[in-house]
Protein backbone atom coordinates (compact mmCIF):
# COMPACT_ATOMS: atom_id res chain seq x y z
CA UNK A 1 -0.01 -0.77 -3.97
CA UNK A 2 -0.21 -2.52 -7.18
CA UNK A 3 -3.11 -1.58 -9.38
CA UNK A 4 -4.71 -4.43 -11.33
CA UNK A 5 -5.04 -4.47 -15.08
CA UNK A 6 -8.47 -3.35 -16.28
CA UNK A 7 -10.91 -6.25 -16.51
CA UNK A 8 -13.81 -6.61 -18.91
CA UNK A 9 -17.07 -5.72 -17.21
CA UNK A 10 -19.11 -8.67 -16.10
CA UNK A 11 -22.68 -8.81 -17.35
CA UNK A 12 -25.17 -8.65 -14.46
CA UNK A 13 -26.52 -12.04 -13.55
CA UNK A 14 -23.73 -13.95 -15.30
CA UNK A 15 -21.13 -15.91 -13.37
CA UNK A 16 -19.06 -19.10 -13.46
CA UNK A 17 -21.50 -21.80 -12.36
CA UNK A 18 -18.62 -24.11 -11.43
CA UNK A 19 -17.80 -21.82 -8.52
CA UNK A 20 -19.21 -22.26 -5.05
CA UNK A 21 -21.31 -19.48 -3.52
CA UNK A 22 -18.40 -18.51 -1.28
CA UNK A 23 -16.01 -18.33 -4.25
CA UNK A 24 -18.46 -16.14 -6.17
CA UNK A 25 -18.78 -13.76 -3.21
CA UNK A 26 -15.01 -13.55 -2.84
CA UNK A 27 -14.65 -12.84 -6.55
CA UNK A 28 -17.36 -10.17 -6.41
CA UNK A 29 -15.73 -8.45 -3.45
CA UNK A 30 -12.30 -8.53 -5.06
CA UNK A 31 -13.71 -7.06 -8.28
CA UNK A 32 -15.38 -4.22 -6.36
CA UNK A 33 -12.21 -3.42 -4.40
CA UNK A 34 -10.04 -3.45 -7.52
CA UNK A 35 -12.54 -1.26 -9.38
CA UNK A 36 -12.65 1.18 -6.45
CA UNK A 37 -8.85 1.36 -6.38
CA UNK A 38 -8.90 2.46 -10.02
CA UNK A 39 -11.72 4.95 -9.45
CA UNK A 40 -10.12 6.48 -6.34
CA UNK A 41 -6.73 6.68 -8.07
CA UNK A 42 -8.18 8.41 -11.13
CA UNK A 43 -10.75 10.71 -9.51
CA UNK A 44 -9.64 10.95 -5.89
CA UNK A 45 -11.68 9.55 -3.02
CA UNK A 46 -13.40 12.87 -2.29
CA UNK A 47 -14.69 13.09 -5.88
CA UNK A 48 -15.85 9.46 -6.15
CA UNK A 49 -19.20 7.87 -5.35
CA UNK A 50 -20.87 4.47 -5.41
CA UNK A 51 -22.15 4.99 -8.97
CA UNK A 52 -18.58 5.42 -10.23
CA UNK A 53 -17.60 2.11 -8.67
CA UNK A 54 -20.69 0.33 -10.01
CA UNK A 55 -19.85 1.40 -13.55
CA UNK A 56 -16.19 0.43 -13.24
CA UNK A 57 -16.91 -2.98 -11.68
CA UNK A 58 -19.93 -3.78 -13.85
CA UNK A 59 -22.09 -4.76 -10.89
CA UNK A 60 -25.50 -3.85 -9.53
CA UNK A 61 -26.22 -1.64 -6.54
CA UNK A 62 -27.68 -4.68 -4.73
CA UNK A 63 -24.40 -6.57 -5.17
CA UNK A 64 -22.41 -3.59 -3.89
CA UNK A 65 -24.43 -3.29 -0.69
CA UNK A 66 -24.22 -7.02 -0.12
CA UNK A 67 -20.51 -6.46 0.50
CA UNK A 68 -20.10 -2.87 1.73
CA UNK A 69 -22.10 -0.49 3.89
CA UNK A 70 -21.02 2.65 2.04
CA UNK A 71 -18.17 4.29 0.15
CA UNK A 72 -16.18 4.82 3.39
CA UNK A 73 -16.35 1.11 4.15
CA UNK A 74 -15.05 0.47 0.63
CA UNK A 75 -12.16 2.91 1.16
CA UNK A 76 -11.13 0.86 4.20
CA UNK A 77 -11.09 -2.29 2.04
CA UNK A 78 -9.02 -0.53 -0.63
CA UNK A 79 -6.54 0.61 2.03
CA UNK A 80 -6.23 -2.95 3.38
CA UNK A 81 -5.79 -4.30 -0.16
CA UNK A 82 -3.09 -1.73 -0.99
CA UNK A 83 -1.26 -2.45 2.28
CA UNK A 84 -1.21 -6.20 1.67
CA UNK A 85 0.03 -5.75 -1.90
CA UNK A 86 2.72 -3.32 -0.74
CA UNK A 87 4.14 -5.57 1.96
CA UNK A 88 4.04 -8.66 -0.24
CA UNK A 89 5.98 -6.82 -2.94
CA UNK A 90 8.62 -5.60 -0.48
CA UNK A 91 9.01 -8.99 1.19
CA UNK A 92 9.27 -10.66 -2.22
CA UNK A 93 11.99 -8.23 -3.26
CA UNK A 94 14.21 -8.53 -0.18
CA UNK A 95 14.06 -12.29 0.23
CA UNK A 96 16.42 -12.61 -2.75
CA UNK A 97 19.06 -10.32 -1.19
CA UNK A 98 21.64 -11.73 1.21
CA UNK A 99 23.62 -8.74 2.52
CA UNK A 100 21.71 -7.03 5.39
CA UNK A 101 22.44 -3.45 4.31
CA UNK A 102 21.64 -4.31 0.71
CA UNK A 103 18.34 -5.77 1.96
CA UNK A 104 17.52 -2.48 3.66
CA UNK A 105 18.28 -0.63 0.43
CA UNK A 106 16.16 -3.09 -1.59
CA UNK A 107 13.21 -2.63 0.81
CA UNK A 108 13.41 1.17 0.62
CA UNK A 109 13.75 1.09 -3.16
CA UNK A 110 10.78 -1.30 -3.52
CA UNK A 111 8.58 0.94 -1.40
CA UNK A 112 9.53 4.11 -3.27
CA UNK A 113 9.04 2.31 -6.57
CA UNK A 114 5.44 1.52 -5.64
CA UNK A 115 4.84 5.16 -4.68
CA UNK A 116 6.26 6.25 -8.02
CA UNK A 117 4.35 3.74 -10.13
CA UNK A 118 1.01 4.32 -8.36
CA UNK A 119 1.28 7.96 -7.31
CA UNK A 120 -2.47 8.69 -7.54
CA UNK A 121 -3.38 5.75 -5.32
CA UNK A 122 -0.54 6.67 -2.95
CA UNK A 123 -2.18 10.07 -2.47
CA UNK A 124 -5.47 8.37 -1.60
CA UNK A 125 -3.88 5.95 0.90
CA UNK A 126 -1.44 8.41 2.49
CA UNK A 127 -3.24 11.76 2.20
CA UNK A 128 -7.01 11.58 1.78
CA UNK A 129 -7.20 8.76 4.32
CA UNK A 130 -6.31 11.32 7.02
CA UNK A 131 -9.79 12.87 6.78
CA UNK A 132 -11.67 9.58 6.57
CA UNK A 133 -12.16 8.92 10.28
CA UNK A 134 -10.52 7.09 13.20
CA UNK A 135 -10.93 3.60 11.74
CA UNK A 136 -8.86 4.56 8.73
CA UNK A 137 -6.25 6.32 10.85
CA UNK A 138 -5.89 3.19 12.97
CA UNK A 139 -5.30 1.08 9.87
CA UNK A 140 -2.76 3.57 8.56
CA UNK A 141 -0.88 3.46 11.86
CA UNK A 142 -0.91 -0.35 11.79
CA UNK A 143 0.45 -0.26 8.25
CA UNK A 144 3.27 2.10 9.27
CA UNK A 145 4.02 -0.11 12.29
CA UNK A 146 4.28 -3.12 9.99
CA UNK A 147 6.73 -1.24 7.76
CA UNK A 148 8.70 -0.29 10.88
CA UNK A 149 8.81 -3.92 12.01
CA UNK A 150 10.16 -4.97 8.61
CA UNK A 151 12.78 -2.22 8.84
CA UNK A 152 13.67 -3.23 12.38
CA UNK A 153 14.16 -6.80 11.22
CA UNK A 154 16.66 -5.60 8.62
CA UNK A 155 18.47 -3.54 11.26
CA UNK A 156 18.63 -6.58 13.55
CA UNK A 157 20.26 -8.60 10.76
CA UNK A 158 22.80 -5.83 10.12
CA UNK A 159 23.51 -5.62 13.86
CA UNK A 160 23.97 -9.39 14.07
CA UNK A 161 26.45 -9.23 11.19
CA UNK A 162 28.44 -6.50 12.95
CA UNK A 163 27.65 -3.90 10.27
CA UNK A 164 26.09 -1.50 12.78
CA UNK A 165 26.87 -1.02 16.45
CA UNK A 166 23.53 -0.07 18.01
CA UNK A 167 20.86 -2.74 18.56
CA UNK A 168 17.48 -2.27 16.86
CA UNK A 169 14.61 -0.62 18.68
CA UNK A 170 10.97 -0.17 17.74
CA UNK A 171 10.67 3.58 18.33
CA UNK A 172 13.62 4.49 16.10
CA UNK A 173 12.43 2.11 13.40
CA UNK A 174 8.94 3.66 13.47
CA UNK A 175 10.39 7.17 13.16
CA UNK A 176 12.51 6.06 10.20
CA UNK A 177 9.52 4.39 8.51
CA UNK A 178 7.59 7.67 8.82
CA UNK A 179 10.56 9.56 7.39
CA UNK A 180 10.80 7.24 4.37
CA UNK A 181 7.08 7.55 3.70
CA UNK A 182 7.15 11.32 4.19
CA UNK A 183 10.09 11.91 1.86
CA UNK A 184 8.59 9.65 -0.80
CA UNK A 185 5.27 11.48 -0.65
CA UNK A 186 7.11 14.82 -0.89
CA UNK A 187 8.29 13.83 -4.36
CA UNK A 188 4.73 12.73 -5.24
CA UNK A 189 3.16 15.96 -3.96
CA UNK A 190 5.64 18.04 -5.94
CA UNK A 191 4.94 16.13 -9.15
CA UNK A 192 8.52 14.79 -9.13
CA UNK A 193 7.78 11.06 -8.92
CA UNK A 194 10.38 10.36 -11.62
CA UNK A 195 13.08 11.64 -9.22
CA UNK A 196 11.99 9.53 -6.25
CA UNK A 197 14.98 7.16 -6.43
CA UNK A 198 17.27 10.14 -5.74
CA UNK A 199 16.24 9.67 -2.11
CA UNK A 200 17.42 6.05 -1.80
CA UNK A 201 21.12 6.66 -0.92
CA UNK A 202 20.23 9.33 1.65
CA UNK A 203 17.56 7.17 3.25
CA UNK A 204 19.87 4.15 3.52
CA UNK A 205 22.53 6.42 5.06
CA UNK A 206 19.92 7.79 7.49
CA UNK A 207 18.94 4.28 8.63
CA UNK A 208 22.53 3.13 9.07
CA UNK A 209 23.58 6.30 10.90
CA UNK A 210 20.59 6.04 13.23
CA UNK A 211 21.99 2.75 14.54
CA UNK A 212 25.66 3.70 14.78
């Protein structure tokens, strides 16, 4: 859930003429999504509207509706963007770690670090999304399932190395992924994001014990 650095607002009607039409559309969409992520993180989704996003992105209303149907459609795009960034960051962190248990710890730490560093956006993606309709809930479940699959992969590696005695299974991994997310968000909700790493040893112990 990495938030982008603020970009200078583009002047309406101005663009890089060396770009193809498709490239310009992709750039426009990315700018709108990144602007919305900042707006939602700062104001909360429930308190945001299209005008807020237009001002932040420096685009026209016509451009906005060329890409999105409404603010709910944009929230879905922000959720997808945050999910991709989150999983890329975790995968990038663990690929440099050899020991299976250390990889599990690195994955948990990377996830909690993103919650800590982007607490406002984490609230949007993990809390306000619950009231945004079935399409958003489906995406959230898919995102949790992807986290569970990554966790299950780490458990499989630890099992293969003889570090745990119970083979991996999807249901247990999903329950653990929900527990990690829930405990991390508990720190966020309490305004204790700076203490979030206190949970890492307990969460690693929970995962290992679940498969012993």
